[in-house]
Amino acid sequence: MRARLDSDFSKSGAVARVLVADDDPVNRQLIEEVCRSEGFEVEGADTGDAALDAARHRAFDLLLLDAAMPGMNGLEVCRALKADPETATIPIIIVTASAEDAVRDRATELGAAAFITKPFHIFELTQKMRAALRVRSHDGEPPTAPHIRMRRERADALSALPSPSTLRAHLQREIDACGRAGKPVVCAVVRLENQEHLNATVGRSSTDALLGGAVLELTTALAGRVVRGDVDEVVVVPTEEQLPTLAAIAANVAGNGRLGAGVSLAVEVSVRWGAAIADPNATDPEQLIAGARAALEKAQRAGEPGGIDRTLGSS
């Protein structure tokens, strides 16, 4: 018998609820059976419109959306849900027959927690579902007492990062390492956009704790790859495969930053990210960080959670 998810869902006796949306009944039924074998409750939808309606009116812990469906496609459903504060923190996995970088990049930009290409291995699917649900299992937890200590710990995580003065050296080391490995180099920026408003509303320590909450998760998932950037941002040098993890962490801060930082006041948290993916033999630290910030600003203009600037033909 397959072991159930090792997360707060199983430990608490709760059962994760999953929505599977795919217009192909064979594919949909296969994914549904995989979900049931993991011990999840599962509901199916055969169009993007039906999936959007179900996600807005019923509680789900994870969505698996086919990128190509009648009416709204999976990417459009993802965008609509991530734009709504009520559904923004639900993790989404995009399932598609396309292996094109543009589809993967778009899914990541819109805040998808993961991307899986058909035909997929069942082990790969279950691992990505488990990873997404581990993040989700912490979303609704109230801050643990004492909340002041929590804020201090998270603010300390931010101040403990390598300083901005080391940023260029970190980027150059990553460029050199990727050049030797023959892999694209990636630089990402995660920015707390409304810092001045937050400082005035909840105080500087709570504001630092909001970004510090993201830092704790980022440094856990991407050890040694996080550096302090400007006052309102952190810089990450992930691999390309780690970008969905970064996007999911940023989405969690935006959706539940108030809880994560132990902030007791209702406050809107605006977090956005941008990433540059480049040929290590044709870039330098200045170009790389500029590309990441340009991708973030493009996402901001489009009203989207994140953006990717890819200067490669493919990865």
C-alpha atoms as a PDB file:
ATOM      1  CA  MET A   1       0.000   0.000   0.000  1.00  0.00           C
ATOM      2  CA  ARG A   2       1.361   3.441  -0.963  1.00  0.00           C
ATOM      3  CA  ALA A   3       2.379   5.649   1.980  1.00  0.00           C
ATOM      4  CA  ARG A   4       0.309   8.760   2.456  1.00  0.00           C
ATOM      5  CA  LEU A   5       1.686  12.274   2.353  1.00  0.00           C
ATOM      6  CA  ASP A   6       4.168  12.955   5.134  1.00  0.00           C
ATOM      7  CA  SER A   7       2.969  16.445   6.015  1.00  0.00           C
ATOM      8  CA  ASP A   8       0.742  18.293   8.429  1.00  0.00           C
ATOM      9  CA  PHE A   9      -2.305  16.984   6.511  1.00  0.00           C
ATOM     10  CA  SER A  10      -1.608  13.355   7.389  1.00  0.00           C
ATOM     11  CA  LYS A  11      -0.221  14.123  10.843  1.00  0.00           C
ATOM     12  CA  SER A  12      -3.361  16.021  11.805  1.00  0.00           C
ATOM     13  CA  GLY A  13      -5.697  13.408  10.323  1.00  0.00           C
ATOM     14  CA  ALA A  14      -6.919  15.855   7.675  1.00  0.00           C
ATOM     15  CA  VAL A  15      -7.274  14.779   4.049  1.00  0.00           C
ATOM     16  CA  ALA A  16      -5.991  16.968   1.222  1.00  0.00           C
ATOM     17  CA  ARG A  17      -8.636  17.924  -1.365  1.00  0.00           C
ATOM     18  CA  VAL A  18      -7.448  18.037  -4.971  1.00  0.00           C
ATOM     19  CA  LEU A  19      -9.125  19.368  -8.126  1.00  0.00           C
ATOM     20  CA  VAL A  20      -8.046  17.768 -11.419  1.00  0.00           C
ATOM     21  CA  ALA A  21      -9.016  19.652 -14.589  1.00  0.00           C
ATOM     22  CA  ASP A  22      -8.425  18.033 -17.984  1.00  0.00           C
ATOM     23  CA  ASP A  23     -10.742  17.782 -21.006  1.00  0.00           C
ATOM     24  CA  ASP A  24      -9.302  14.335 -21.866  1.00  0.00           C
ATOM     25  CA  PRO A  25     -11.255  11.862 -19.693  1.00  0.00           C
ATOM     26  CA  VAL A  26      -8.508   9.234 -19.853  1.00  0.00           C
ATOM     27  CA  ASN A  27      -5.839  11.633 -18.609  1.00  0.00           C
ATOM     28  CA  ARG A  28      -8.171  13.077 -15.988  1.00  0.00           C
ATOM     29  CA  GLN A  29      -9.151   9.660 -14.639  1.00  0.00           C
ATOM     30  CA  LEU A  30      -5.513   8.560 -14.490  1.00  0.00           C
ATOM     31  CA  ILE A  31      -4.509  11.587 -12.418  1.00  0.00           C
ATOM     32  CA  GLU A  32      -7.582  11.168 -10.214  1.00  0.00           C
ATOM     33  CA  GLU A  33      -6.598   7.563  -9.498  1.00  0.00           C
ATOM     34  CA  VAL A  34      -3.070   8.647  -8.591  1.00  0.00           C
ATOM     35  CA  CYS A  35      -4.551  11.194  -6.175  1.00  0.00           C
ATOM     36  CA  ARG A  36      -6.823   8.589  -4.577  1.00  0.00           C
ATOM     37  CA  SER A  37      -3.890   6.184  -4.197  1.00  0.00           C
ATOM     38  CA  GLU A  38      -2.179   8.939  -2.197  1.00  0.00           C
ATOM     39  CA  GLY A  39      -5.178   9.158   0.110  1.00  0.00           C
ATOM     40  CA  PHE A  40      -6.471  12.477  -1.263  1.00  0.00           C
ATOM     41  CA  GLU A  41     -10.076  13.461  -1.875  1.00  0.00           C
ATOM     42  CA  VAL A  42     -10.379  14.350  -5.560  1.00  0.00           C
ATOM     43  CA  GLU A  43     -12.829  16.154  -7.828  1.00  0.00           C
ATOM     44  CA  GLY A  44     -12.647  16.385 -11.612  1.00  0.00           C
ATOM     45  CA  ALA A  45     -13.484  19.114 -14.130  1.00  0.00           C
ATOM     46  CA  ASP A  46     -13.469  18.858 -17.929  1.00  0.00           C
ATOM     47  CA  THR A  47     -13.152  22.563 -18.816  1.00  0.00           C
ATOM     48  CA  GLY A  48     -11.204  25.535 -17.534  1.00  0.00           C
ATOM     49  CA  ASP A  49     -14.422  27.414 -16.768  1.00  0.00           C
ATOM     50  CA  ALA A  50     -15.676  24.529 -14.625  1.00  0.00           C
ATOM     51  CA  ALA A  51     -12.345  24.378 -12.817  1.00  0.00           C
ATOM     52  CA  LEU A  52     -12.402  28.117 -12.086  1.00  0.00           C
ATOM     53  CA  ASP A  53     -15.959  27.923 -10.758  1.00  0.00           C
ATOM     54  CA  ALA A  54     -15.137  24.910  -8.559  1.00  0.00           C
ATOM     55  CA  ALA A  55     -11.995  26.543  -7.127  1.00  0.00           C
ATOM     56  CA  ARG A  56     -13.900  29.716  -6.280  1.00  0.00           C
ATOM     57  CA  HIS A  57     -16.811  27.996  -4.574  1.00  0.00           C
ATOM     58  CA  ARG A  58     -15.286  24.926  -2.903  1.00  0.00           C
ATOM     59  CA  ALA A  59     -12.197  24.468  -0.758  1.00  0.00           C
ATOM     60  CA  PHE A  60      -9.218  22.731  -2.383  1.00  0.00           C
ATOM     61  CA  ASP A  61      -5.663  22.240  -1.186  1.00  0.00           C
ATOM     62  CA  LEU A  62      -4.156  21.622  -4.636  1.00  0.00           C
ATOM     63  CA  LEU A  63      -5.166  22.115  -8.281  1.00  0.00           C
ATOM     64  CA  LEU A  64      -3.842  20.196 -11.282  1.00  0.00           C
ATOM     65  CA  LEU A  65      -4.735  22.084 -14.470  1.00  0.00           C
ATOM     66  CA  ASP A  66      -4.224  20.977 -18.054  1.00  0.00           C
ATOM     67  CA  ALA A  67      -2.683  23.820 -20.028  1.00  0.00           C
ATOM     68  CA  ALA A  68      -4.993  23.234 -23.029  1.00  0.00           C
ATOM     69  CA  MET A  69      -8.741  22.982 -22.280  1.00  0.00           C
ATOM     70  CA  PRO A  70     -11.943  24.253 -23.930  1.00  0.00           C
ATOM     71  CA  GLY A  71     -12.889  27.809 -22.986  1.00  0.00           C
ATOM     72  CA  MET A  72     -10.341  29.011 -20.460  1.00  0.00           C
ATOM     73  CA  ASN A  73      -7.100  27.065 -20.623  1.00  0.00           C
ATOM     74  CA  GLY A  74      -5.171  26.041 -17.539  1.00  0.00           C
ATOM     75  CA  LEU A  75      -2.829  29.031 -17.682  1.00  0.00           C
ATOM     76  CA  GLU A  76      -5.780  31.432 -17.856  1.00  0.00           C
ATOM     77  CA  VAL A  77      -7.414  29.696 -14.890  1.00  0.00           C
ATOM     78  CA  CYS A  78      -4.128  29.947 -12.981  1.00  0.00           C
ATOM     79  CA  ARG A  79      -3.891  33.669 -13.697  1.00  0.00           C
ATOM     80  CA  ALA A  80      -7.486  34.306 -12.565  1.00  0.00           C
ATOM     81  CA  LEU A  81      -7.023  32.384  -9.318  1.00  0.00           C
ATOM     82  CA  LYS A  82      -3.679  33.970  -8.458  1.00  0.00           C
ATOM     83  CA  ALA A  83      -5.203  37.427  -9.004  1.00  0.00           C
ATOM     84  CA  ASP A  84      -7.927  36.734  -6.409  1.00  0.00           C
ATOM     85  CA  PRO A  85      -6.792  37.037  -2.759  1.00  0.00           C
ATOM     86  CA  GLU A  86      -9.314  34.354  -1.795  1.00  0.00           C
ATOM     87  CA  THR A  87      -7.649  31.728  -4.011  1.00  0.00           C
ATOM     88  CA  ALA A  88      -4.129  33.113  -4.542  1.00  0.00           C
ATOM     89  CA  THR A  89      -2.395  30.738  -2.131  1.00  0.00           C
ATOM     90  CA  ILE A  90      -3.838  27.489  -3.521  1.00  0.00           C
ATOM     91  CA  PRO A  91      -0.877  25.651  -5.109  1.00  0.00           C
ATOM     92  CA  ILE A  92      -1.341  24.894  -8.803  1.00  0.00           C
ATOM     93  CA  ILE A  93       0.452  22.311 -10.934  1.00  0.00           C
ATOM     94  CA  ILE A  94       0.231  22.863 -14.695  1.00  0.00           C
ATOM     95  CA  VAL A  95       0.035  19.650 -16.729  1.00  0.00           C
ATOM     96  CA  THR A  96       0.735  19.896 -20.450  1.00  0.00           C
ATOM     97  CA  ALA A  97       1.787  17.968 -23.549  1.00  0.00           C
ATOM     98  CA  SER A  98       4.034  20.869 -24.567  1.00  0.00           C
ATOM     99  CA  ALA A  99       7.703  20.863 -23.642  1.00  0.00           C
ATOM    100  CA  GLU A 100       8.280  24.409 -24.896  1.00  0.00           C
ATOM    101  CA  ASP A 101      10.144  26.809 -22.631  1.00  0.00           C
ATOM    102  CA  ALA A 102       7.491  29.476 -23.267  1.00  0.00           C
ATOM    103  CA  VAL A 103       4.749  27.353 -21.672  1.00  0.00           C
ATOM    104  CA  ARG A 104       6.910  26.467 -18.676  1.00  0.00           C
ATOM    105  CA  ASP A 105       7.996  30.078 -18.229  1.00  0.00           C
ATOM    106  CA  ARG A 106       4.417  31.304 -18.440  1.00  0.00           C
ATOM    107  CA  ALA A 107       3.257  28.790 -15.821  1.00  0.00           C
ATOM    108  CA  THR A 108       6.030  29.880 -13.467  1.00  0.00           C
ATOM    109  CA  GLU A 109       5.369  33.585 -14.065  1.00  0.00           C
ATOM    110  CA  LEU A 110       1.715  33.117 -13.147  1.00  0.00           C
ATOM    111  CA  GLY A 111       2.614  31.509  -9.832  1.00  0.00           C
ATOM    112  CA  ALA A 112       2.243  27.795 -10.596  1.00  0.00           C
ATOM    113  CA  ALA A 113       3.950  25.668  -7.941  1.00  0.00           C
ATOM    114  CA  ALA A 114       5.155  23.135 -10.502  1.00  0.00           C
ATOM    115  CA  PHE A 115       5.017  22.108 -14.140  1.00  0.00           C
ATOM    116  CA  ILE A 116       4.752  18.544 -15.448  1.00  0.00           C
ATOM    117  CA  THR A 117       4.918  17.360 -19.056  1.00  0.00           C
ATOM    118  CA  LYS A 118       2.853  14.522 -20.529  1.00  0.00           C
ATOM    119  CA  PRO A 119       3.543  11.671 -20.666  1.00  0.00           C
ATOM    120  CA  PHE A 120       4.696  11.796 -17.051  1.00  0.00           C
ATOM    121  CA  HIS A 121       5.952   9.236 -14.586  1.00  0.00           C
ATOM    122  CA  ILE A 122       3.574   8.627 -11.692  1.00  0.00           C
ATOM    123  CA  PHE A 123       6.457   8.979  -9.231  1.00  0.00           C
ATOM    124  CA  GLU A 124       7.269  12.423 -10.633  1.00  0.00           C
ATOM    125  CA  LEU A 125       3.643  13.513 -10.316  1.00  0.00           C
ATOM    126  CA  THR A 126       3.287  12.288  -6.738  1.00  0.00           C
ATOM    127  CA  GLN A 127       6.559  13.939  -5.702  1.00  0.00           C
ATOM    128  CA  LYS A 128       5.441  17.295  -7.101  1.00  0.00           C
ATOM    129  CA  MET A 129       2.027  16.993  -5.455  1.00  0.00           C
ATOM    130  CA  ARG A 130       3.654  16.167  -2.126  1.00  0.00           C
ATOM    131  CA  ALA A 131       6.037  19.118  -2.395  1.00  0.00           C
ATOM    132  CA  ALA A 132       3.200  21.536  -3.204  1.00  0.00           C
ATOM    133  CA  LEU A 133       1.075  20.262  -0.330  1.00  0.00           C
ATOM    134  CA  ARG A 134       3.922  20.540   2.173  1.00  0.00           C
ATOM    135  CA  VAL A 135       4.004  24.264   1.446  1.00  0.00           C
ATOM    136  CA  ARG A 136       0.201  24.499   1.522  1.00  0.00           C
ATOM    137  CA  SER A 137      -0.050  22.719   4.885  1.00  0.00           C
ATOM    138  CA  HIS A 138       1.539  25.722   6.612  1.00  0.00           C
ATOM    139  CA  ASP A 139      -0.647  28.389   4.975  1.00  0.00           C
ATOM    140  CA  GLY A 140      -3.513  28.482   7.407  1.00  0.00           C
ATOM    141  CA  GLU A 141      -1.629  28.052  10.646  1.00  0.00           C
ATOM    142  CA  PRO A 142      -1.973  30.923  13.098  1.00  0.00           C
ATOM    143  CA  PRO A 143       1.215  32.484  14.424  1.00  0.00           C
ATOM    144  CA  THR A 144       2.572  30.581  17.373  1.00  0.00           C
ATOM    145  CA  ALA A 145       3.093  32.354  20.676  1.00  0.00           C
ATOM    146  CA  PRO A 146       4.872  34.462  21.439  1.00  0.00           C
ATOM    147  CA  HIS A 147       4.265  36.313  18.173  1.00  0.00           C
ATOM    148  CA  ILE A 148       6.805  38.978  19.057  1.00  0.00           C
ATOM    149  CA  ARG A 149       9.557  36.355  19.152  1.00  0.00           C
ATOM    150  CA  MET A 150       8.403  35.056  15.773  1.00  0.00           C
ATOM    151  CA  ARG A 151       8.683  38.519  14.253  1.00  0.00           C
ATOM    152  CA  ARG A 152      12.137  38.952  15.732  1.00  0.00           C
ATOM    153  CA  GLU A 153      13.353  35.569  14.430  1.00  0.00           C
ATOM    154  CA  ARG A 154      12.135  36.340  10.915  1.00  0.00           C
ATOM    155  CA  ALA A 155      13.551  39.827  10.907  1.00  0.00           C
ATOM    156  CA  ASP A 156      16.857  38.344  12.107  1.00  0.00           C
ATOM    157  CA  ALA A 157      16.807  35.917   9.168  1.00  0.00           C
ATOM    158  CA  LEU A 158      16.714  38.900   6.832  1.00  0.00           C
ATOM    159  CA  SER A 159      19.561  40.714   8.564  1.00  0.00           C
ATOM    160  CA  ALA A 160      21.649  37.517   8.611  1.00  0.00           C
ATOM    161  CA  LEU A 161      21.798  37.335   4.810  1.00  0.00           C
ATOM    162  CA  PRO A 162      25.063  38.179   3.028  1.00  0.00           C
ATOM    163  CA  SER A 163      25.120  41.940   2.473  1.00  0.00           C
ATOM    164  CA  PRO A 164      24.446  43.690  -0.867  1.00  0.00           C
ATOM    165  CA  SER A 165      28.177  44.407  -1.130  1.00  0.00           C
ATOM    166  CA  THR A 166      28.744  40.682  -1.799  1.00  0.00           C
ATOM    167  CA  LEU A 167      26.030  40.415  -4.472  1.00  0.00           C
ATOM    168  CA  ARG A 168      28.243  40.901  -7.525  1.00  0.00           C
ATOM    169  CA  ALA A 169      30.742  38.336  -6.241  1.00  0.00           C
ATOM    170  CA  HIS A 170      27.933  35.800  -5.674  1.00  0.00           C
ATOM    171  CA  LEU A 171      26.611  36.363  -9.187  1.00  0.00           C
ATOM    172  CA  GLN A 172      30.060  36.059 -10.753  1.00  0.00           C
ATOM    173  CA  ARG A 173      30.673  32.752  -8.957  1.00  0.00           C
ATOM    174  CA  GLU A 174      27.337  31.458 -10.244  1.00  0.00           C
ATOM    175  CA  ILE A 175      28.117  32.626 -13.781  1.00  0.00           C
ATOM    176  CA  ASP A 176      31.497  30.857 -13.657  1.00  0.00           C
ATOM    177  CA  ALA A 177      30.000  27.644 -12.220  1.00  0.00           C
ATOM    178  CA  CYS A 178      27.241  27.539 -14.822  1.00  0.00           C
ATOM    179  CA  GLY A 179      29.752  28.205 -17.579  1.00  0.00           C
ATOM    180  CA  ARG A 180      31.834  25.213 -16.475  1.00  0.00           C
ATOM    181  CA  ALA A 181      28.715  23.029 -16.225  1.00  0.00           C
ATOM    182  CA  GLY A 182      27.335  24.175 -19.577  1.00  0.00           C
ATOM    183  CA  LYS A 183      24.066  25.302 -17.976  1.00  0.00           C
ATOM    184  CA  PRO A 184      22.127  28.581 -18.154  1.00  0.00           C
ATOM    185  CA  VAL A 185      22.660  30.986 -15.275  1.00  0.00           C
ATOM    186  CA  VAL A 186      19.631  32.270 -13.357  1.00  0.00           C
ATOM    187  CA  CYS A 187      19.235  35.347 -11.179  1.00  0.00           C
ATOM    188  CA  ALA A 188      15.949  36.200  -9.446  1.00  0.00           C
ATOM    189  CA  VAL A 189      14.764  39.162  -7.401  1.00  0.00           C
ATOM    190  CA  VAL A 190      11.978  38.928  -4.789  1.00  0.00           C
ATOM    191  CA  ARG A 191      10.652  42.345  -3.822  1.00  0.00           C
ATOM    192  CA  LEU A 192       8.347  43.633  -1.107  1.00  0.00           C
ATOM    193  CA  GLU A 193       6.796  46.453  -3.111  1.00  0.00           C
ATOM    194  CA  ASN A 194       4.756  48.418  -0.625  1.00  0.00           C
ATOM    195  CA  GLN A 195       7.393  48.676   2.085  1.00  0.00           C
ATOM    196  CA  GLU A 196       6.797  52.349   2.964  1.00  0.00           C
ATOM    197  CA  HIS A 197       3.070  51.739   3.475  1.00  0.00           C
ATOM    198  CA  LEU A 198       3.789  48.647   5.570  1.00  0.00           C
ATOM    199  CA  ASN A 199       6.327  50.521   7.709  1.00  0.00           C
ATOM    200  CA  ALA A 200       3.718  53.185   8.420  1.00  0.00           C
ATOM    201  CA  THR A 201       0.973  50.621   9.087  1.00  0.00           C
ATOM    202  CA  VAL A 202       2.577  47.812  11.082  1.00  0.00           C
ATOM    203  CA  GLY A 203       6.065  49.103  11.883  1.00  0.00           C
ATOM    204  CA  ARG A 204       9.540  48.389  10.544  1.00  0.00           C
ATOM    205  CA  SER A 205      10.115  45.201  12.560  1.00  0.00           C
ATOM    206  CA  SER A 206       6.916  43.607  11.254  1.00  0.00           C
ATOM    207  CA  THR A 207       7.743  44.691   7.701  1.00  0.00           C
ATOM    208  CA  ASP A 208      11.183  43.118   7.963  1.00  0.00           C
ATOM    209  CA  ALA A 209       9.524  39.989   9.337  1.00  0.00           C
ATOM    210  CA  LEU A 210       7.316  39.745   6.233  1.00  0.00           C
ATOM    211  CA  LEU A 211      10.338  39.629   3.937  1.00  0.00           C
ATOM    212  CA  GLY A 212      12.200  37.582   6.533  1.00  0.00           C
ATOM    213  CA  GLY A 213       9.487  34.922   6.351  1.00  0.00           C
ATOM    214  CA  ALA A 214      10.269  34.514   2.671  1.00  0.00           C
ATOM    215  CA  VAL A 215      13.989  34.460   3.468  1.00  0.00           C
ATOM    216  CA  LEU A 216      13.544  31.591   5.944  1.00  0.00           C
ATOM    217  CA  GLU A 217      11.731  29.506   3.335  1.00  0.00           C
ATOM    218  CA  LEU A 218      14.112  30.466   0.545  1.00  0.00           C
ATOM    219  CA  THR A 219      17.222  29.664   2.561  1.00  0.00           C
ATOM    220  CA  THR A 220      15.718  26.320   3.595  1.00  0.00           C
ATOM    221  CA  ALA A 221      14.854  25.365   0.016  1.00  0.00           C
ATOM    222  CA  LEU A 222      17.813  27.068  -1.689  1.00  0.00           C
ATOM    223  CA  ALA A 223      20.628  27.027   0.851  1.00  0.00           C
ATOM    224  CA  GLY A 224      23.530  29.321   0.035  1.00  0.00           C
ATOM    225  CA  ARG A 225      21.696  30.957  -2.877  1.00  0.00           C
ATOM    226  CA  VAL A 226      20.080  33.978  -1.205  1.00  0.00           C
ATOM    227  CA  VAL A 227      21.694  37.421  -0.827  1.00  0.00           C
ATOM    228  CA  ARG A 228      20.343  40.751   0.398  1.00  0.00           C
ATOM    229  CA  GLY A 229      19.685  43.155  -2.486  1.00  0.00           C
ATOM    230  CA  ASP A 230      18.182  46.604  -2.103  1.00  0.00           C
ATOM    231  CA  VAL A 231      16.278  47.561   1.043  1.00  0.00           C
ATOM    232  CA  ASP A 232      13.020  46.027  -0.172  1.00  0.00           C
ATOM    233  CA  GLU A 233      14.351  42.962  -2.002  1.00  0.00           C
ATOM    234  CA  VAL A 234      16.384  39.793  -1.809  1.00  0.00           C
ATOM    235  CA  VAL A 235      18.333  38.251  -4.678  1.00  0.00           C
ATOM    236  CA  VAL A 236      18.353  34.512  -5.352  1.00  0.00           C
ATOM    237  CA  VAL A 237      20.565  32.503  -7.718  1.00  0.00           C
ATOM    238  CA  PRO A 238      18.499  29.331  -8.224  1.00  0.00           C
ATOM    239  CA  THR A 239      18.767  26.721 -10.911  1.00  0.00           C
ATOM    240  CA  GLU A 240      16.117  26.953 -13.607  1.00  0.00           C
ATOM    241  CA  GLU A 241      14.365  23.913 -12.112  1.00  0.00           C
ATOM    242  CA  GLN A 242      14.080  25.719  -8.761  1.00  0.00           C
ATOM    243  CA  LEU A 243      12.157  28.735 -10.121  1.00  0.00           C
ATOM    244  CA  PRO A 244       8.701  27.237  -9.357  1.00  0.00           C
ATOM    245  CA  THR A 245       9.784  26.774  -5.729  1.00  0.00           C
ATOM    246  CA  LEU A 246      10.785  30.424  -5.555  1.00  0.00           C
ATOM    247  CA  ALA A 247       7.480  31.487  -7.145  1.00  0.00           C
ATOM    248  CA  ALA A 248       5.474  29.422  -4.666  1.00  0.00           C
ATOM    249  CA  ILE A 249       7.325  30.920  -1.689  1.00  0.00           C
ATOM    250  CA  ALA A 250       6.722  34.457  -2.975  1.00  0.00           C
ATOM    251  CA  ALA A 251       3.021  33.672  -3.454  1.00  0.00           C
ATOM    252  CA  ASN A 252       2.747  32.391   0.109  1.00  0.00           C
ATOM    253  CA  VAL A 253       4.245  35.583   1.502  1.00  0.00           C
ATOM    254  CA  ALA A 254       1.832  37.673  -0.573  1.00  0.00           C
ATOM    255  CA  GLY A 255      -1.181  35.601   0.408  1.00  0.00           C
ATOM    256  CA  ASN A 256      -0.428  34.904   4.042  1.00  0.00           C
ATOM    257  CA  GLY A 257       2.399  37.240   4.991  1.00  0.00           C
ATOM    258  CA  ARG A 258       0.277  38.734   7.747  1.00  0.00           C
ATOM    259  CA  LEU A 259       0.047  35.357   9.461  1.00  0.00           C
ATOM    260  CA  GLY A 260       3.591  34.280   8.692  1.00  0.00           C
ATOM    261  CA  ALA A 261       5.092  37.339  10.297  1.00  0.00           C
ATOM    262  CA  GLY A 262       2.820  37.331  13.316  1.00  0.00           C
ATOM    263  CA  VAL A 263       1.332  40.681  12.306  1.00  0.00           C
ATOM    264  CA  SER A 264      -1.991  41.178  14.022  1.00  0.00           C
ATOM    265  CA  LEU A 265      -3.329  43.973  11.785  1.00  0.00           C
ATOM    266  CA  ALA A 266      -5.086  43.366   8.502  1.00  0.00           C
ATOM    267  CA  VAL A 267      -2.664  44.562   5.840  1.00  0.00           C
ATOM    268  CA  GLU A 268      -2.189  44.005   2.144  1.00  0.00           C
ATOM    269  CA  VAL A 269       1.181  42.464   1.302  1.00  0.00           C
ATOM    270  CA  SER A 270       2.480  43.021  -2.210  1.00  0.00           C
ATOM    271  CA  VAL A 271       5.311  40.680  -3.193  1.00  0.00           C
ATOM    272  CA  ARG A 272       6.585  40.236  -6.725  1.00  0.00           C
ATOM    273  CA  TRP A 273       9.519  38.458  -8.341  1.00  0.00           C
ATOM    274  CA  GLY A 274      11.457  38.561 -11.577  1.00  0.00           C
ATOM    275  CA  ALA A 275      14.097  36.247 -13.012  1.00  0.00           C
ATOM    276  CA  ALA A 276      16.691  36.464 -15.763  1.00  0.00           C
ATOM    277  CA  ILE A 277      17.884  33.290 -17.510  1.00  0.00           C
ATOM    278  CA  ALA A 278      21.022  33.839 -19.562  1.00  0.00           C
ATOM    279  CA  ASP A 279      23.980  32.236 -21.306  1.00  0.00           C
ATOM    280  CA  PRO A 280      26.823  32.372 -18.736  1.00  0.00           C
ATOM    281  CA  ASN A 281      29.278  33.055 -21.562  1.00  0.00           C
ATOM    282  CA  ALA A 282      27.344  36.145 -22.686  1.00  0.00           C
ATOM    283  CA  THR A 283      26.464  37.964 -19.473  1.00  0.00           C
ATOM    284  CA  ASP A 284      27.980  39.568 -16.386  1.00  0.00           C
ATOM    285  CA  PRO A 285      26.670  40.335 -12.881  1.00  0.00           C
ATOM    286  CA  GLU A 286      25.374  43.791 -13.833  1.00  0.00           C
ATOM    287  CA  GLN A 287      23.447  42.492 -16.840  1.00  0.00           C
ATOM    288  CA  LEU A 288      22.083  39.573 -14.864  1.00  0.00           C
ATOM    289  CA  ILE A 289      20.671  41.606 -11.976  1.00  0.00           C
ATOM    290  CA  ALA A 290      19.367  44.234 -14.395  1.00  0.00           C
ATOM    291  CA  GLY A 291      17.564  41.534 -16.351  1.00  0.00           C
ATOM    292  CA  ALA A 292      15.936  40.153 -13.208  1.00  0.00           C
ATOM    293  CA  ARG A 293      14.759  43.598 -12.119  1.00  0.00           C
ATOM    294  CA  ALA A 294      13.463  44.347 -15.631  1.00  0.00           C
ATOM    295  CA  ALA A 295      11.468  41.087 -15.573  1.00  0.00           C
ATOM    296  CA  LEU A 296      10.008  42.072 -12.188  1.00  0.00           C
ATOM    297  CA  GLU A 297       9.024  45.516 -13.435  1.00  0.00           C
ATOM    298  CA  LYS A 298       7.411  43.984 -16.535  1.00  0.00           C
ATOM    299  CA  ALA A 299       5.392  41.667 -14.285  1.00  0.00           C
ATOM    300  CA  GLN A 300       4.393  44.654 -12.159  1.00  0.00           C
ATOM    301  CA  ARG A 301       3.086  46.529 -15.220  1.00  0.00           C
ATOM    302  CA  ALA A 302       1.142  43.438 -16.278  1.00  0.00           C
ATOM    303  CA  GLY A 303      -0.262  42.939 -12.773  1.00  0.00           C
ATOM    304  CA  GLU A 304       1.244  39.461 -12.511  1.00  0.00           C
ATOM    305  CA  PRO A 305       3.088  37.819  -9.585  1.00  0.00           C
ATOM    306  CA  GLY A 306       6.309  37.184 -11.463  1.00  0.00           C
ATOM    307  CA  GLY A 307       8.150  37.418 -14.752  1.00  0.00           C
ATOM    308  CA  ILE A 308      11.006  35.756 -16.620  1.00  0.00           C
ATOM    309  CA  ASP A 309      13.475  37.371 -19.023  1.00  0.00           C
ATOM    310  CA  ARG A 310      15.008  34.562 -21.075  1.00  0.00           C
ATOM    311  CA  THR A 311      17.906  35.422 -23.378  1.00  0.00           C
ATOM    312  CA  LEU A 312      18.465  31.809 -24.427  1.00  0.00           C
ATOM    313  CA  GLY A 313      16.844  29.949 -27.279  1.00  0.00           C
ATOM    314  CA  SER A 314      16.241  27.021 -24.920  1.00  0.00           C
ATOM    315  CA  SER A 315      17.591  25.476 -21.756  1.00  0.00           C
END
